[in-house]
Amino acid sequence: MNFFYLCNMKAMKDIEIKINKLSPGLIGELDHYLDYLVNMRKNYKSRKLKQDWAGGLKDIKISALELQKKALEWRQK
């Protein structure tokens, strides 16, 4: 047996012990929450990082330092 399997089995046993301590109403809530967690992972799709914004400010003739100073001014207003 590998280490991950043993850790996973211990976690499952710990969760089982906690579930056995819950009232029937809380078990229903737990079931809904588990459904939420499972569906949340299914709906998440990894996408390739888009950088279509790159070069969007190339028309602006201002240095990075000047832009930082402007940003500081805008935050202080």
Protein backbone atom coordinates (compact mmCIF):
# COMPACT_ATOMS: atom_id res chain seq x y z
CA MET A 1 0.00 0.00 0.00
CA ASN A 2 1.21 3.47 -0.77
CA PHE A 3 1.28 6.43 1.61
CA PHE A 4 -1.42 8.39 -0.23
CA TYR A 5 -3.82 5.46 0.00
CA LEU A 6 -3.25 5.12 3.75
CA CYS A 7 -3.74 8.86 4.33
CA ASN A 8 -6.87 8.82 2.22
CA MET A 9 -8.28 5.86 4.14
CA LYS A 10 -7.61 7.61 7.45
CA ALA A 11 -9.34 10.75 6.21
CA MET A 12 -12.32 8.69 5.04
CA LYS A 13 -12.53 6.97 8.45
CA ASP A 14 -12.36 10.34 10.24
CA ILE A 15 -15.14 11.71 8.01
CA GLU A 16 -17.26 8.62 8.63
CA ILE A 17 -16.91 9.06 12.41
CA LYS A 18 -18.00 12.71 12.13
CA ILE A 19 -20.96 11.82 9.90
CA ASN A 20 -22.16 9.26 12.44
CA LYS A 21 -22.33 12.05 15.04
CA LEU A 22 -24.69 14.20 12.90
CA SER A 23 -28.43 14.45 13.37
CA PRO A 24 -30.65 13.36 10.45
CA GLY A 25 -31.36 16.98 9.50
CA LEU A 26 -27.68 17.80 9.30
CA ILE A 27 -27.02 14.70 7.21
CA GLY A 28 -29.46 16.11 4.64
CA GLU A 29 -27.58 19.42 4.68
CA LEU A 30 -24.29 17.58 4.29
CA ASP A 31 -25.68 15.68 1.32
CA HIS A 32 -26.69 18.94 -0.40
CA TYR A 33 -23.28 20.46 0.34
CA LEU A 34 -21.50 17.42 -1.06
CA ASP A 35 -23.61 17.68 -4.23
CA TYR A 36 -22.60 21.32 -4.49
CA LEU A 37 -18.90 20.46 -4.11
CA VAL A 38 -19.07 17.68 -6.68
CA ASN A 39 -20.93 19.82 -9.22
CA MET A 40 -18.65 22.79 -8.62
CA ARG A 41 -15.67 20.71 -9.69
CA LYS A 42 -17.48 19.33 -12.74
CA ASN A 43 -18.46 22.78 -14.01
CA TYR A 44 -14.93 24.12 -13.71
CA LYS A 45 -13.17 23.83 -17.02
CA SER A 46 -9.58 24.87 -17.34
CA ARG A 47 -8.98 27.26 -20.17
CA LYS A 48 -5.89 28.45 -21.89
CA LEU A 49 -4.72 31.78 -20.54
CA LYS A 50 -5.62 34.54 -22.96
CA GLN A 51 -3.39 37.57 -23.23
CA ASP A 52 -5.26 39.44 -25.92
CA TRP A 53 -4.96 42.59 -23.82
CA ALA A 54 -1.20 42.71 -24.39
CA GLY A 55 -0.16 45.83 -26.27
CA GLY A 56 -3.48 47.54 -25.58
CA LEU A 57 -1.79 50.71 -24.32
CA LYS A 58 0.88 50.99 -26.99
CA ASP A 59 -0.68 54.24 -28.30
CA ILE A 60 -0.14 56.00 -24.97
CA LYS A 61 3.18 57.83 -24.83
CA ILE A 62 3.90 57.68 -21.11
CA SER A 63 6.62 55.85 -19.20
CA ALA A 64 5.86 53.18 -16.63
CA LEU A 65 7.13 55.46 -13.86
CA GLU A 66 4.86 58.31 -14.96
CA LEU A 67 1.94 55.90 -15.09
CA GLN A 68 2.66 54.73 -11.54
CA LYS A 69 2.71 58.34 -10.36
CA LYS A 70 -0.63 59.00 -12.10
CA ALA A 71 -2.14 55.89 -10.50
CA LEU A 72 -1.00 57.10 -7.09
CA GLU A 73 -2.61 60.50 -7.75
CA TRP A 74 -5.88 58.82 -8.79
CA ARG A 75 -5.95 56.69 -5.63
CA GLN A 76 -5.42 59.73 -3.39
CA LYS A 77 -8.38 61.64 -4.87
